[in-house]
Amino acid sequence: MKEKEIRNPQTHERYLEMVRADAAAFFGDARQLEERPCPACGDSRFHREFVKFGFTYGTCPTCRTLYVNPRPKVEPLREFYVHSPSSRYWVEEFFKPVAEARRKKIFRPRAAYVAESLPALAQEKIGDIGAGFGLFLEELRRRWPRGQFVAIEPSPEMAAICRAKDLGVEETTIEDLPGSEGSYALLTAFELLEHLHTPESMVAKAYRLLRPGGYFLATTLSGEGFDIQIMWDKSRSVFPPHHLNFLNPESFALLCRNAGFEVKAMETPGVLDWQIIEGAVQRQEAPLGRFWELLSRHGSAECKQELQQWITKHRLSSHMRVLAQKPPT
């Protein structure tokens, strides 16, 4: 997979410019922010790292989670996602033009992973939290035609798209979803936790919605991933107020265990880390060091491929995936 296949570089640049403007427009008033403890372990200590778009990022001294503190309060954050120009631009200009490429490169492999890892769930109730356009559920339904598929999606526009695809729809956030406790066999959440005001509340609610023995599958960004560690505050993945939480493999597992889950698999299956760094070198976004510039300009294709394989193998990619299970009894 190539980075340019799933995000247009020019569109991505414009999107980040809009996020910077929206951050100032929506959260210029400090009364819209509040102090929060670490979203993974609850430690209230906070080691300040850097400021970006007016938001302060810091790390937790206990579990090393990188997160924004103070952060937008719940209601202003929801308003931002509904009404900000950058959020609308992401849907219309950033995502839609590459939706089918993402289906092929991202959502279809995810469906294959689920079908191969959890074949016993093929006829059960599956929910996708923050389902968006419903691409994952569509792909999984092709493999599991006898399953029951529910998009948990608060956006009216995207909920309507999911209904048009004949998917079940809960037009709300998972935190506000009434009833349904103990009814799901699998809940998925892809690239969602980094956006949430209180990710620990979402994971806890997912636990309650699952039946005994049910599974929670989630992907998110690792703050200890290769490209984020090298780029740090210059990373294009670090853009508040969209991305507030950067867990790591240890703190992600801790977050799940604190909710009651048993972690079955913790991986960083990313394939774009080196491409992101190489792109940053070529665009001269920031001085990243002589070694990385040397490798970008003169390293062999085999060397770069083996570097990415090493990053993935040793759980050092910024793309992180957890499979957790609610105990059967």
Protein backbone atom coordinates (compact mmCIF):
# COMPACT_ATOMS: atom_id res chain seq x y z
CA MET A 1 0.00 0.00 0.00
CA LYS A 2 1.20 3.50 -0.90
CA GLU A 3 0.38 6.51 1.25
CA LYS A 4 -0.82 8.50 -1.77
CA GLU A 5 -3.37 5.78 -2.57
CA ILE A 6 -5.35 6.46 0.62
CA ARG A 7 -4.79 10.21 1.05
CA ASN A 8 -4.14 12.83 -1.57
CA PRO A 9 -1.10 14.89 -0.46
CA GLN A 10 -2.52 18.24 -1.59
CA THR A 11 -5.92 17.56 -0.04
CA HIS A 12 -4.24 16.42 3.16
CA GLU A 13 -2.22 19.64 3.33
CA ARG A 14 -5.35 21.74 2.84
CA TYR A 15 -7.16 19.72 5.52
CA LEU A 16 -4.42 20.41 8.07
CA GLU A 17 -4.54 24.12 7.29
CA MET A 18 -8.28 24.08 7.93
CA VAL A 19 -7.84 22.18 11.20
CA ARG A 20 -5.42 24.86 12.43
CA ALA A 21 -7.95 27.59 11.63
CA ASP A 22 -10.83 25.65 13.20
CA ALA A 23 -8.86 25.04 16.38
CA ALA A 24 -8.55 28.78 16.90
CA ALA A 25 -12.15 29.52 15.91
CA PHE A 26 -13.83 26.87 18.03
CA PHE A 27 -11.57 26.70 21.09
CA GLY A 28 -10.04 30.14 21.51
CA ASP A 29 -11.95 30.52 24.79
CA ALA A 30 -10.19 28.67 27.62
CA ARG A 31 -13.57 28.09 29.30
CA GLN A 32 -14.28 25.47 26.62
CA LEU A 33 -11.38 23.37 27.90
CA GLU A 34 -10.96 21.24 31.00
CA GLU A 35 -8.20 19.37 32.80
CA ARG A 36 -8.35 15.59 32.51
CA PRO A 37 -6.24 12.74 33.91
CA CYS A 38 -4.50 10.23 31.65
CA PRO A 39 -7.16 8.47 29.52
CA ALA A 40 -5.41 5.11 29.86
CA CYS A 41 -4.38 4.80 33.52
CA GLY A 42 -6.01 7.77 35.25
CA ASP A 43 -2.80 9.31 36.56
CA SER A 44 -3.31 13.07 37.00
CA ARG A 45 0.39 13.86 36.66
CA PHE A 46 1.28 15.35 33.29
CA HIS A 47 4.68 16.00 31.73
CA ARG A 48 4.34 18.81 29.18
CA GLU A 49 5.89 18.02 25.78
CA PHE A 50 4.84 20.65 23.21
CA VAL A 51 2.06 22.96 22.05
CA LYS A 52 0.39 22.56 18.66
CA PHE A 53 -2.48 24.64 17.24
CA GLY A 54 -2.85 26.12 20.72
CA PHE A 55 -3.27 22.75 22.47
CA THR A 56 -0.79 21.33 24.98
CA TYR A 57 0.38 17.73 24.57
CA GLY A 58 2.06 15.89 27.38
CA THR A 59 2.96 12.37 28.45
CA CYS A 60 1.78 10.34 31.41
CA PRO A 61 4.72 9.37 33.65
CA THR A 62 3.04 6.06 34.51
CA CYS A 63 2.00 4.59 31.13
CA ARG A 64 3.67 7.01 28.65
CA THR A 65 0.41 7.90 26.89
CA LEU A 66 0.69 11.14 24.90
CA TYR A 67 -2.47 13.25 25.18
CA VAL A 68 -3.95 16.74 25.08
CA ASN A 69 -4.51 18.42 28.44
CA PRO A 70 -6.49 20.56 28.99
CA ARG A 71 -8.83 19.29 26.30
CA PRO A 72 -12.14 20.44 24.80
CA LYS A 73 -15.18 19.69 26.91
CA VAL A 74 -17.63 17.11 25.60
CA GLU A 75 -20.29 19.39 24.15
CA PRO A 76 -17.95 21.89 22.44
CA LEU A 77 -16.07 18.93 20.95
CA ARG A 78 -19.29 17.46 19.55
CA GLU A 79 -20.20 20.84 18.08
CA PHE A 80 -16.79 21.00 16.46
CA TYR A 81 -17.25 17.62 14.75
CA VAL A 82 -20.71 18.55 13.49
CA HIS A 83 -20.10 22.12 12.36
CA SER A 84 -16.39 22.74 11.72
CA PRO A 85 -15.32 23.33 8.10
CA SER A 86 -12.42 20.89 8.51
CA SER A 87 -14.75 18.06 9.55
CA ARG A 88 -16.98 18.63 6.53
CA TYR A 89 -13.96 18.96 4.25
CA TRP A 90 -12.60 15.63 5.54
CA VAL A 91 -15.80 13.87 4.51
CA GLU A 92 -16.43 15.56 1.17
CA GLU A 93 -12.94 16.27 -0.17
CA PHE A 94 -10.55 14.04 1.77
CA PHE A 95 -12.41 10.75 2.27
CA LYS A 96 -14.97 10.42 -0.53
CA PRO A 97 -12.47 10.63 -3.45
CA VAL A 98 -10.39 7.80 -1.96
CA ALA A 99 -13.24 5.79 -0.40
CA GLU A 100 -13.01 2.91 -2.87
CA ALA A 101 -9.23 2.80 -2.62
CA ARG A 102 -9.59 2.64 1.17
CA ARG A 103 -12.18 -0.10 0.81
CA LYS A 104 -9.68 -2.20 -1.14
CA LYS A 105 -6.54 -1.35 0.80
CA ILE A 106 -7.90 -0.99 4.36
CA PHE A 107 -11.46 -2.19 4.96
CA ARG A 108 -11.37 -5.37 2.89
CA PRO A 109 -8.22 -6.63 4.66
CA ARG A 110 -9.84 -5.77 8.01
CA ALA A 111 -12.87 -7.83 7.13
CA ALA A 112 -10.59 -10.69 6.09
CA TYR A 113 -8.75 -10.45 9.43
CA VAL A 114 -12.03 -10.66 11.37
CA ALA A 115 -13.41 -13.52 9.26
CA GLU A 116 -10.21 -15.53 9.64
CA SER A 117 -9.67 -14.75 13.34
CA LEU A 118 -13.26 -15.12 14.61
CA PRO A 119 -15.09 -17.55 12.29
CA ALA A 120 -17.49 -18.64 15.06
CA LEU A 121 -19.15 -15.21 14.98
CA ALA A 122 -20.32 -15.46 11.38
CA GLN A 123 -24.03 -15.54 12.26
CA GLU A 124 -24.01 -13.20 15.25
CA LYS A 125 -24.60 -9.49 15.92
CA ILE A 126 -21.71 -7.23 14.89
CA GLY A 127 -21.49 -3.50 15.59
CA ASP A 128 -19.06 -0.97 14.16
CA ILE A 129 -18.61 2.09 16.39
CA GLY A 130 -18.18 5.24 14.32
CA ALA A 131 -19.07 3.29 11.19
CA GLY A 132 -18.83 6.25 8.82
CA PHE A 133 -19.76 5.13 5.31
CA GLY A 134 -20.25 1.52 6.45
CA LEU A 135 -17.42 0.17 4.29
CA PHE A 136 -16.13 -2.30 6.88
CA LEU A 137 -19.58 -3.71 7.59
CA GLU A 138 -20.26 -4.05 3.87
CA GLU A 139 -17.07 -6.02 3.37
CA LEU A 140 -17.69 -8.24 6.38
CA ARG A 141 -21.27 -8.90 5.24
CA ARG A 142 -19.92 -10.21 1.94
CA ARG A 143 -17.99 -12.82 3.92
CA TRP A 144 -20.68 -13.42 6.55
CA PRO A 145 -24.03 -13.01 4.74
CA ARG A 146 -25.99 -14.51 7.66
CA GLY A 147 -24.70 -12.07 10.27
CA GLN A 148 -26.51 -9.08 11.77
CA PHE A 149 -24.66 -5.81 11.13
CA VAL A 150 -25.20 -2.54 12.99
CA ALA A 151 -23.58 0.82 12.28
CA ILE A 152 -23.27 2.90 15.46
CA GLU A 153 -22.89 6.31 13.87
CA PRO A 154 -23.91 9.72 15.29
CA SER A 155 -23.63 11.69 12.05
CA PRO A 156 -27.08 11.98 10.39
CA GLU A 157 -25.50 12.12 6.91
CA MET A 158 -23.38 9.02 7.38
CA ALA A 159 -26.13 7.17 9.25
CA ALA A 160 -28.35 7.76 6.19
CA ILE A 161 -25.64 6.33 3.92
CA CYS A 162 -25.47 3.20 6.09
CA ARG A 163 -29.26 2.80 6.02
CA ALA A 164 -29.20 3.04 2.23
CA LYS A 165 -26.81 0.07 2.27
CA ASP A 166 -29.39 -1.91 4.26
CA LEU A 167 -27.29 -1.93 7.40
CA GLY A 168 -28.83 -1.69 10.84
CA VAL A 169 -28.19 1.78 12.27
CA GLU A 170 -28.01 3.26 15.76
CA GLU A 171 -27.82 7.00 15.09
CA THR A 172 -26.00 7.97 18.27
CA THR A 173 -22.68 7.74 20.02
CA ILE A 174 -21.95 4.47 21.76
CA GLU A 175 -21.89 6.26 25.12
CA ASP A 176 -25.51 7.39 24.58
CA LEU A 177 -26.75 4.12 23.11
CA PRO A 178 -29.71 2.92 25.23
CA GLY A 179 -30.27 -0.72 26.07
CA SER A 180 -28.58 -3.46 24.00
CA GLU A 181 -26.32 -4.51 26.87
CA GLY A 182 -24.94 -7.99 26.42
CA SER A 183 -26.29 -8.30 22.86
CA TYR A 184 -23.24 -7.92 20.61
CA ALA A 185 -20.76 -10.68 19.74
CA LEU A 186 -18.24 -8.25 18.24
CA LEU A 187 -17.76 -4.50 18.44
CA THR A 188 -15.19 -2.72 16.28
CA ALA A 189 -13.77 0.80 16.53
CA PHE A 190 -11.36 1.89 13.80
CA GLU A 191 -9.34 5.11 14.14
CA LEU A 192 -11.75 6.37 16.79
CA LEU A 193 -10.10 6.40 20.21
CA GLU A 194 -7.67 9.15 19.27
CA HIS A 195 -10.65 11.48 18.68
CA LEU A 196 -12.56 10.92 21.91
CA HIS A 197 -12.87 13.19 24.92
CA THR A 198 -13.01 10.17 27.22
CA PRO A 199 -11.86 6.98 25.47
CA GLU A 200 -12.06 5.03 28.71
CA SER A 201 -15.83 5.61 28.79
CA MET A 202 -16.23 4.27 25.27
CA VAL A 203 -14.23 1.12 26.02
CA ALA A 204 -16.20 0.54 29.22
CA LYS A 205 -19.51 0.90 27.35
CA ALA A 206 -18.30 -1.51 24.66
CA TYR A 207 -17.62 -4.04 27.42
CA ARG A 208 -21.20 -3.72 28.69
CA LEU A 209 -22.70 -4.05 25.21
CA LEU A 210 -20.85 -7.28 24.49
CA ARG A 211 -22.21 -10.67 25.47
CA PRO A 212 -19.99 -12.88 27.66
CA GLY A 213 -17.20 -14.15 25.43
CA GLY A 214 -17.72 -11.32 22.94
CA TYR A 215 -14.83 -9.47 21.29
CA PHE A 216 -13.68 -5.87 20.98
CA LEU A 217 -11.45 -5.04 17.99
CA ALA A 218 -9.97 -1.55 17.78
CA THR A 219 -7.28 0.31 15.90
CA THR A 220 -5.74 3.62 16.88
CA LEU A 221 -2.52 5.63 16.68
CA SER A 222 0.48 4.75 18.81
CA GLY A 223 2.34 7.73 20.23
CA GLU A 224 5.40 5.47 20.38
CA GLY A 225 5.18 4.63 16.69
CA PHE A 226 8.20 5.12 14.45
CA ASP A 227 7.05 8.08 12.36
CA ILE A 228 5.41 9.93 15.27
CA GLN A 229 8.48 9.54 17.46
CA ILE A 230 10.73 10.91 14.72
CA MET A 231 8.44 13.75 13.62
CA TRP A 232 6.97 14.43 17.10
CA ASP A 233 5.22 17.80 17.10
CA LYS A 234 5.81 18.07 13.32
CA SER A 235 3.92 14.84 12.67
CA ARG A 236 0.88 15.21 10.43
CA SER A 237 -0.86 12.66 12.64
CA VAL A 238 -0.64 15.09 15.55
CA PHE A 239 -3.38 17.61 14.80
CA PRO A 240 -5.69 18.73 17.58
CA PRO A 241 -8.53 18.95 18.30
CA HIS A 242 -9.12 15.92 16.03
CA HIS A 243 -6.40 13.75 17.54
CA LEU A 244 -6.34 14.07 21.31
CA ASN A 245 -5.09 10.68 22.51
CA PHE A 246 -2.00 8.74 21.50
CA LEU A 247 -1.88 5.46 23.38
CA ASN A 248 0.93 2.94 23.04
CA PRO A 249 0.83 -0.87 23.09
CA GLU A 250 1.23 -1.04 26.86
CA SER A 251 -1.27 1.69 27.71
CA PHE A 252 -3.79 0.43 25.12
CA ALA A 253 -3.69 -3.00 26.76
CA LEU A 254 -4.02 -1.36 30.18
CA LEU A 255 -7.07 0.62 29.02
CA CYS A 256 -8.74 -2.60 27.89
CA ARG A 257 -7.87 -4.54 31.03
CA ASN A 258 -9.16 -1.74 33.24
CA ALA A 259 -12.54 -2.12 31.51
CA GLY A 260 -12.55 -5.87 32.26
CA PHE A 261 -11.25 -7.24 28.95
CA GLU A 262 -8.69 -9.95 28.40
CA VAL A 263 -6.24 -8.83 25.70
CA LYS A 264 -5.87 -11.58 23.12
CA ALA A 265 -3.65 -9.81 20.60
CA MET A 266 -1.75 -6.53 20.57
CA GLU A 267 -0.06 -5.68 17.28
CA THR A 268 1.18 -2.76 15.22
CA PRO A 269 0.48 -4.00 11.67
CA GLY A 270 1.20 -0.67 9.99
CA VAL A 271 2.93 -0.51 6.61
CA LEU A 272 3.29 3.24 6.04
CA ASP A 273 5.69 4.42 8.77
CA TRP A 274 8.76 4.61 6.59
CA GLN A 275 6.81 6.08 3.67
CA ILE A 276 5.59 8.86 5.96
CA ILE A 277 9.15 9.71 7.01
CA GLU A 278 10.43 9.51 3.45
CA GLY A 279 7.66 11.82 2.29
CA ALA A 280 8.51 14.31 5.03
CA VAL A 281 12.17 14.28 3.94
CA GLN A 282 11.24 14.83 0.31
CA ARG A 283 8.88 17.68 1.19
CA GLN A 284 11.53 19.16 3.51
CA GLU A 285 8.91 19.54 6.24
CA ALA A 286 11.44 19.56 9.07
CA PRO A 287 15.08 18.60 9.72
CA LEU A 288 14.79 14.94 10.65
CA GLY A 289 18.47 14.06 10.93
CA ARG A 290 21.25 13.12 8.58
CA PHE A 291 20.67 9.37 8.82
CA TRP A 292 17.02 9.46 7.78
CA GLU A 293 17.79 11.84 4.92
CA LEU A 294 20.60 9.54 3.78
CA LEU A 295 18.33 6.49 3.86
CA SER A 296 15.55 8.35 2.04
CA ARG A 297 17.75 9.60 -0.77
CA HIS A 298 20.22 6.74 -1.17
CA GLY A 299 18.86 3.68 0.60
CA SER A 300 17.86 0.66 -1.46
CA ALA A 301 14.26 -0.45 -1.84
CA GLU A 302 15.17 -3.70 -0.07
CA CYS A 303 16.61 -1.79 2.88
CA LYS A 304 13.48 0.34 3.23
CA GLN A 305 11.20 -2.67 2.96
CA GLU A 306 13.13 -4.56 5.64
CA LEU A 307 13.07 -1.50 7.90
CA GLN A 308 9.26 -1.36 7.68
CA GLN A 309 9.02 -5.08 8.38
CA TRP A 310 11.22 -4.63 11.46
CA ILE A 311 9.06 -1.72 12.67
CA THR A 312 5.90 -3.79 12.31
CA LYS A 313 7.36 -6.94 13.88
CA HIS A 314 8.57 -5.17 17.01
CA ARG A 315 5.34 -3.25 17.69
CA LEU A 316 6.88 0.08 16.72
CA SER A 317 4.44 1.13 14.00
CA SER A 318 2.15 4.09 14.66
CA HIS A 319 -0.81 1.98 13.45
CA MET A 320 -1.92 -0.16 16.40
CA ARG A 321 -4.52 -2.93 16.69
CA VAL A 322 -5.93 -4.71 19.73
CA LEU A 323 -8.23 -7.72 19.93
CA ALA A 324 -9.75 -8.10 23.38
CA GLN A 325 -12.35 -10.46 24.79
CA LYS A 326 -14.99 -10.12 27.48
CA PRO A 327 -14.53 -13.14 29.76
CA PRO A 328 -16.97 -15.92 28.87
CA THR A 329 -18.28 -16.13 32.45
